[in-house]
């Protein structure tokens, strides 16, 4: 990292630590939602982070253009960490859709990026993580992710089966507005390492804030036993909770005034074509930025051909 970039980053952290600094900058500005897409990975039509982020951005921008009561500034970065970090400076919400684990973009540069995001959250900025982006190495960022979004995927504790849960009941929450019951096949992770070691399937008042499960379903025994998890299962501690409902999307309102959400779906690109799957995430983006979610949720239309746009070149 160059000396100039280091000094710029440190100056940003200092500025963000001044009481009221973020509020003064953003008081009369549109609500800024920043979507950060990871680098290409996996076979075609899986982990299509760049294409998925652009679908969400288009839907949010169309909603903004058709609603005089809403003023959004929706921006996105493709192929990893933003080259121009200034796009984060006035963010009201930042959503990461990317590969995670030890290669997570947020934990690179010896903790510098982690410090930048932590500074944002301490000023009340919302953080959302989708699919693989909910996974980190606990020793690198476990306490931060629990504080920011209420929980995270932990290798060999959580599991990642491909299955088709039915989401039939929803809590009363802005993120669920207008969302109808749906069932869809995805790599739905569950058994997250939630804050305070809660199971995550019930609303809880935790040390990190008010936790609310959004998408909850009960895996059948075959899902808990396999047939697909990595590393290969079955895991005795997962099997021990047979019959327990699991949270695949959750939200938290933090004591610092910010908000966070985790969404474990998003493995298969074509799922963005499902109206309910798409709506619950679009609603979450608005809620994260403290924008009022419409009573019927965020309306959006996606033509089948739009799922072919902006796909990464893969073999």
Protein backbone atom coordinates (compact mmCIF):
# COMPACT_ATOMS: atom_id res chain seq x y z
CA UNK A 1 0.00 0.00 0.00
CA UNK A 2 1.42 3.41 -0.95
CA UNK A 3 2.06 6.04 1.70
CA UNK A 4 -0.48 8.31 0.03
CA UNK A 5 -3.21 5.67 0.14
CA UNK A 6 -2.40 4.89 3.79
CA UNK A 7 -2.58 8.58 4.73
CA UNK A 8 -5.86 8.99 2.83
CA UNK A 9 -7.38 6.02 4.62
CA UNK A 10 -6.24 7.23 8.04
CA UNK A 11 -7.59 10.71 7.33
CA UNK A 12 -10.94 9.16 6.45
CA UNK A 13 -11.04 7.20 9.70
CA UNK A 14 -10.23 10.36 11.67
CA UNK A 15 -12.94 12.30 9.83
CA UNK A 16 -15.46 9.54 10.46
CA UNK A 17 -14.63 9.59 14.17
CA UNK A 18 -15.67 13.23 14.56
CA UNK A 19 -19.14 13.32 16.16
CA UNK A 20 -21.83 14.21 13.64
CA UNK A 21 -19.42 14.19 10.70
CA UNK A 22 -21.37 11.64 8.63
CA UNK A 23 -24.70 13.25 9.47
CA UNK A 24 -23.47 16.69 8.41
CA UNK A 25 -22.19 15.38 5.09
CA UNK A 26 -25.36 13.40 4.29
CA UNK A 27 -28.15 15.42 5.89
CA UNK A 28 -29.53 16.85 2.63
CA UNK A 29 -28.15 14.22 0.27
CA UNK A 30 -29.85 11.28 -1.41
CA UNK A 31 -29.59 7.99 0.43
CA UNK A 32 -26.54 6.26 -1.00
CA UNK A 33 -26.62 2.50 -1.47
CA UNK A 34 -23.29 0.97 -2.48
CA UNK A 35 -23.27 -2.54 -3.97
CA UNK A 36 -19.88 -4.27 -4.08
CA UNK A 37 -19.50 -7.30 -6.36
CA UNK A 38 -16.71 -9.84 -6.00
CA UNK A 39 -14.41 -11.27 -8.62
CA UNK A 40 -15.66 -14.10 -10.86
CA UNK A 41 -15.68 -17.59 -9.37
CA UNK A 42 -17.45 -20.93 -9.84
CA UNK A 43 -18.90 -22.27 -13.11
CA UNK A 44 -21.23 -20.24 -15.36
CA UNK A 45 -24.47 -18.99 -13.81
CA UNK A 46 -23.13 -19.51 -10.30
CA UNK A 47 -21.59 -16.76 -8.18
CA UNK A 48 -22.34 -14.25 -10.92
CA UNK A 49 -21.63 -11.40 -8.55
CA UNK A 50 -21.06 -8.73 -11.19
CA UNK A 51 -24.26 -9.52 -13.08
CA UNK A 52 -26.31 -9.91 -9.91
CA UNK A 53 -25.21 -6.58 -8.48
CA UNK A 54 -26.12 -4.84 -11.74
CA UNK A 55 -29.59 -6.42 -11.67
CA UNK A 56 -30.17 -5.13 -8.14
CA UNK A 57 -28.81 -1.68 -9.04
CA UNK A 58 -31.09 -1.45 -12.09
CA UNK A 59 -34.14 -2.41 -10.03
CA UNK A 60 -33.33 0.10 -7.29
CA UNK A 61 -32.64 2.85 -9.81
CA UNK A 62 -35.93 2.15 -11.63
CA UNK A 63 -37.78 2.29 -8.31
CA UNK A 64 -36.11 5.61 -7.50
CA UNK A 65 -37.02 7.10 -10.89
CA UNK A 66 -40.66 6.11 -10.50
CA UNK A 67 -41.08 7.39 -6.95
CA UNK A 68 -41.00 11.13 -6.25
CA UNK A 69 -40.92 10.52 -2.50
CA UNK A 70 -37.65 8.57 -2.68
CA UNK A 71 -34.22 9.99 -3.47
CA UNK A 72 -31.62 7.28 -3.93
CA UNK A 73 -28.04 7.30 -5.12
CA UNK A 74 -27.30 3.72 -6.15
CA UNK A 75 -23.70 2.97 -7.12
CA UNK A 76 -21.76 -0.24 -7.50
CA UNK A 77 -18.22 -1.56 -7.76
CA UNK A 78 -17.40 -4.60 -9.89
CA UNK A 79 -14.70 -7.24 -9.62
CA UNK A 80 -13.79 -6.77 -6.00
CA UNK A 81 -12.91 -3.99 -3.62
CA UNK A 82 -13.72 -0.50 -5.00
CA UNK A 83 -10.74 1.05 -6.73
CA UNK A 84 -12.04 4.43 -5.64
CA UNK A 85 -12.89 4.10 -1.95
CA UNK A 86 -14.48 7.56 -1.94
CA UNK A 87 -17.69 5.88 -3.10
CA UNK A 88 -17.97 4.49 0.44
CA UNK A 89 -17.44 7.82 2.20
CA UNK A 90 -21.04 9.00 2.00
CA UNK A 91 -22.65 5.57 1.99
CA UNK A 92 -25.80 4.97 4.00
CA UNK A 93 -25.66 1.26 3.21
CA UNK A 94 -23.00 -1.04 1.78
CA UNK A 95 -23.89 -4.52 0.48
CA UNK A 96 -21.21 -7.11 -0.26
CA UNK A 97 -21.94 -9.93 -2.75
CA UNK A 98 -18.68 -11.82 -3.21
CA UNK A 99 -16.55 -14.76 -2.20
CA UNK A 100 -15.69 -14.96 1.47
CA UNK A 101 -13.62 -17.03 3.85
CA UNK A 102 -9.94 -16.18 4.10
CA UNK A 103 -10.13 -14.46 0.71
CA UNK A 104 -12.95 -12.11 1.71
CA UNK A 105 -12.29 -8.67 0.24
CA UNK A 106 -13.07 -6.98 3.57
CA UNK A 107 -10.22 -8.70 5.44
CA UNK A 108 -7.44 -7.96 2.94
CA UNK A 109 -4.60 -5.42 3.37
CA UNK A 110 -3.72 -6.53 6.90
CA UNK A 111 -6.93 -5.24 8.45
CA UNK A 112 -6.96 -1.81 6.82
CA UNK A 113 -10.23 -2.46 4.98
CA UNK A 114 -11.76 -3.95 8.12
CA UNK A 115 -10.96 -0.72 9.95
CA UNK A 116 -12.56 1.36 7.21
CA UNK A 117 -15.83 -0.58 7.30
CA UNK A 118 -15.81 -0.63 11.10
CA UNK A 119 -15.47 3.16 11.10
CA UNK A 120 -18.51 3.39 8.83
CA UNK A 121 -20.62 1.13 11.03
CA UNK A 122 -19.77 3.13 14.12
CA UNK A 123 -21.36 6.14 12.40
CA UNK A 124 -24.54 4.15 11.76
CA UNK A 125 -23.94 2.96 8.20
CA UNK A 126 -25.79 -0.26 7.29
CA UNK A 127 -23.91 -3.37 6.17
CA UNK A 128 -25.37 -6.27 4.21
CA UNK A 129 -23.68 -9.50 3.12
CA UNK A 130 -25.01 -11.96 0.59
CA UNK A 131 -24.20 -15.62 -0.01
CA UNK A 132 -20.48 -16.46 0.33
CA UNK A 133 -19.86 -12.93 1.66
CA UNK A 134 -21.43 -14.00 4.98
CA UNK A 135 -18.46 -16.35 5.55
CA UNK A 136 -15.29 -15.16 7.23
CA UNK A 137 -12.53 -16.73 9.30
CA UNK A 138 -13.60 -16.06 12.92
CA UNK A 139 -10.13 -15.00 14.05
CA UNK A 140 -9.97 -12.44 11.24
CA UNK A 141 -13.36 -10.78 11.53
CA UNK A 142 -15.77 -12.85 13.61
CA UNK A 143 -16.48 -10.25 16.27
CA UNK A 144 -16.85 -7.54 13.62
CA UNK A 145 -19.34 -9.49 11.52
CA UNK A 146 -21.39 -10.44 14.54
CA UNK A 147 -21.54 -6.78 15.46
CA UNK A 148 -22.17 -5.52 11.93
CA UNK A 149 -24.72 -8.03 10.65
CA UNK A 150 -25.55 -10.24 13.64
CA UNK A 151 -23.73 -13.40 12.59
CA UNK A 152 -21.60 -15.19 10.02
CA UNK A 153 -20.88 -18.53 8.40
CA UNK A 154 -18.17 -20.49 10.19
CA UNK A 155 -16.28 -23.28 8.42
CA UNK A 156 -17.18 -26.73 9.82
CA UNK A 157 -19.75 -25.20 12.17
CA UNK A 158 -22.19 -23.92 9.55
CA UNK A 159 -23.20 -25.95 6.49
CA UNK A 160 -23.96 -25.22 2.85
CA UNK A 161 -26.38 -27.74 1.32
CA UNK A 162 -28.13 -27.17 -1.97
CA UNK A 163 -31.81 -27.57 -1.18
CA UNK A 164 -35.25 -26.09 -1.81
CA UNK A 165 -36.78 -24.61 1.37
CA UNK A 166 -40.31 -23.27 1.40
CA UNK A 167 -40.61 -19.84 2.96
CA UNK A 168 -44.26 -19.66 3.95
CA UNK A 169 -44.39 -17.40 7.00
CA UNK A 170 -42.71 -14.07 7.54
CA UNK A 171 -42.25 -11.76 10.52
CA UNK A 172 -43.81 -8.31 10.53
CA UNK A 173 -40.81 -6.35 9.31
CA UNK A 174 -40.14 -3.79 6.54
CA UNK A 175 -37.97 -6.35 4.70
CA UNK A 176 -40.91 -8.74 4.31
CA UNK A 177 -43.40 -6.18 2.99
CA UNK A 178 -45.16 -7.48 -0.10
CA UNK A 179 -43.20 -10.75 -0.12
CA UNK A 180 -45.40 -13.75 -0.85
CA UNK A 181 -44.57 -17.35 0.09
CA UNK A 182 -42.01 -18.89 -2.25
CA UNK A 183 -39.90 -22.00 -2.66
CA UNK A 184 -36.62 -21.98 -4.53
CA UNK A 185 -33.54 -24.16 -4.91
CA UNK A 186 -30.28 -22.56 -3.85
CA UNK A 187 -27.20 -23.17 -1.76
CA UNK A 188 -28.95 -21.99 1.38
CA UNK A 189 -26.42 -21.93 4.21
CA UNK A 190 -27.65 -22.43 7.75
CA UNK A 191 -26.47 -22.92 11.34
CA UNK A 192 -24.73 -19.57 11.35
CA UNK A 193 -22.53 -18.42 14.20
CA UNK A 194 -24.99 -15.83 15.46
CA UNK A 195 -24.30 -13.24 18.12
CA UNK A 196 -24.65 -14.52 21.70
CA UNK A 197 -24.78 -18.06 20.23
CA UNK A 198 -28.51 -17.75 19.58
CA UNK A 199 -29.97 -20.30 17.12
CA UNK A 200 -31.25 -17.40 15.01
CA UNK A 201 -34.73 -18.72 14.31
CA UNK A 202 -36.50 -16.36 16.73
CA UNK A 203 -36.37 -12.63 17.31
CA UNK A 204 -33.95 -11.77 20.09
CA UNK A 205 -32.68 -8.71 21.93
CA UNK A 206 -28.93 -9.35 21.80
CA UNK A 207 -25.75 -7.54 22.84
CA UNK A 208 -25.41 -6.44 19.20
CA UNK A 209 -28.98 -5.16 18.95
CA UNK A 210 -32.42 -6.38 17.98
CA UNK A 211 -32.11 -9.52 15.88
CA UNK A 212 -34.98 -10.64 13.60
CA UNK A 213 -34.97 -13.77 11.40
CA UNK A 214 -36.45 -12.96 7.98
CA UNK A 215 -36.40 -16.20 5.94
CA UNK A 216 -36.88 -19.28 8.09
CA UNK A 217 -37.54 -22.90 7.12
CA UNK A 218 -36.99 -26.35 8.60
CA UNK A 219 -34.57 -28.62 6.68
CA UNK A 220 -35.70 -32.20 6.20
CA UNK A 221 -33.42 -34.89 7.61
CA UNK A 222 -31.89 -35.64 4.20
CA UNK A 223 -30.74 -32.03 3.95
CA UNK A 224 -29.11 -32.18 7.37
CA UNK A 225 -27.39 -35.44 6.42
CA UNK A 226 -26.27 -34.23 2.99
CA UNK A 227 -26.34 -34.84 0.13
CA UNK A 228 -24.11 -31.86 -0.58
CA UNK A 229 -22.02 -29.95 1.87
CA UNK A 230 -18.37 -28.98 1.77
CA UNK A 231 -16.38 -30.55 3.30
CA UNK A 232 -18.48 -33.69 2.96
CA UNK A 233 -20.90 -34.35 5.79
CA UNK A 234 -22.77 -35.43 7.71
CA UNK A 235 -21.87 -33.22 10.67
CA UNK A 236 -23.01 -34.65 14.02
CA UNK A 237 -23.80 -31.23 15.49
CA UNK A 238 -26.00 -30.39 12.47
CA UNK A 239 -27.82 -33.73 12.72
CA UNK A 240 -28.34 -33.19 16.45
CA UNK A 241 -30.72 -30.30 15.66
CA UNK A 242 -33.07 -32.29 13.41
CA UNK A 243 -36.49 -30.66 13.32
CA UNK A 244 -35.20 -27.21 14.20
CA UNK A 245 -36.13 -24.26 12.00
CA UNK A 246 -33.16 -22.39 10.54
CA UNK A 247 -32.67 -18.79 9.45
CA UNK A 248 -31.38 -18.19 5.92
CA UNK A 249 -31.85 -14.41 6.06
CA UNK A 250 -31.79 -12.20 9.11
CA UNK A 251 -31.66 -8.54 10.10
CA UNK A 252 -30.30 -6.63 13.05
CA UNK A 253 -30.72 -3.09 14.36
CA UNK A 254 -27.50 -2.19 16.08
CA UNK A 255 -27.06 -0.07 19.22
CA UNK A 256 -24.99 2.42 17.16
CA UNK A 257 -28.12 3.21 15.12
CA UNK A 258 -27.01 1.23 12.09
CA UNK A 259 -28.55 -1.84 10.57
CA UNK A 260 -27.28 -5.08 9.15
CA UNK A 261 -28.53 -8.11 7.26
CA UNK A 262 -27.26 -11.47 6.11
CA UNK A 263 -28.70 -13.41 3.16
CA UNK A 264 -27.33 -16.88 2.49
CA UNK A 265 -28.94 -17.46 -0.92
CA UNK A 266 -27.57 -16.15 -4.21
CA UNK A 267 -25.53 -19.09 -5.48
CA UNK A 268 -27.56 -19.60 -8.65
CA UNK A 269 -27.80 -16.52 -10.85
CA UNK A 270 -31.16 -17.43 -12.39
CA UNK A 271 -32.85 -17.10 -9.00
CA UNK A 272 -32.80 -13.32 -9.44
CA UNK A 273 -35.59 -13.95 -11.94
CA UNK A 274 -37.89 -14.99 -9.10
CA UNK A 275 -39.96 -11.97 -8.05
CA UNK A 276 -40.15 -12.86 -4.34
CA UNK A 277 -36.46 -13.80 -4.06
CA UNK A 278 -35.57 -10.48 -5.68
CA UNK A 279 -38.06 -8.43 -3.67
CA UNK A 280 -36.90 -9.54 -0.25
CA UNK A 281 -33.34 -8.46 -1.12
CA UNK A 282 -34.42 -5.15 -2.67
CA UNK A 283 -36.51 -4.43 0.42
CA UNK A 284 -33.47 -5.22 2.58
CA UNK A 285 -31.32 -2.76 0.62
CA UNK A 286 -33.79 0.06 1.28
CA UNK A 287 -34.24 -0.86 4.93
CA UNK A 288 -30.47 -1.00 5.39
CA UNK A 289 -30.19 2.61 4.14
CA UNK A 290 -33.08 3.70 6.39
CA UNK A 291 -35.39 4.33 3.45
CA UNK A 292 -39.08 3.60 4.02
CA UNK A 293 -40.00 0.33 2.33
CA UNK A 294 -43.36 0.58 0.50
CA UNK A 295 -46.30 -1.31 1.97
CA UNK A 296 -46.17 -3.74 -0.96
CA UNK A 297 -42.39 -3.87 -1.09
CA UNK A 298 -40.08 -2.66 -3.84
CA UNK A 299 -41.72 -3.26 -7.22
CA UNK A 300 -39.46 -4.53 -9.99
CA UNK A 301 -39.68 -6.21 -13.34
CA UNK A 302 -37.04 -8.39 -14.92
CA UNK A 303 -37.37 -9.69 -18.46
CA UNK A 304 -35.92 -13.20 -19.02
CA UNK A 305 -33.23 -11.84 -21.34
CA UNK A 306 -31.91 -9.57 -18.59
CA UNK A 307 -30.59 -12.63 -16.79
CA UNK A 308 -28.17 -13.00 -19.71
CA UNK A 309 -26.71 -9.52 -19.31
CA UNK A 310 -23.28 -8.83 -17.80
CA UNK A 311 -22.42 -12.47 -17.13
CA UNK A 312 -18.75 -13.10 -16.48
CA UNK A 313 -16.83 -14.96 -19.21
CA UNK A 314 -16.52 -18.47 -17.79
CA UNK A 315 -15.93 -21.91 -19.23
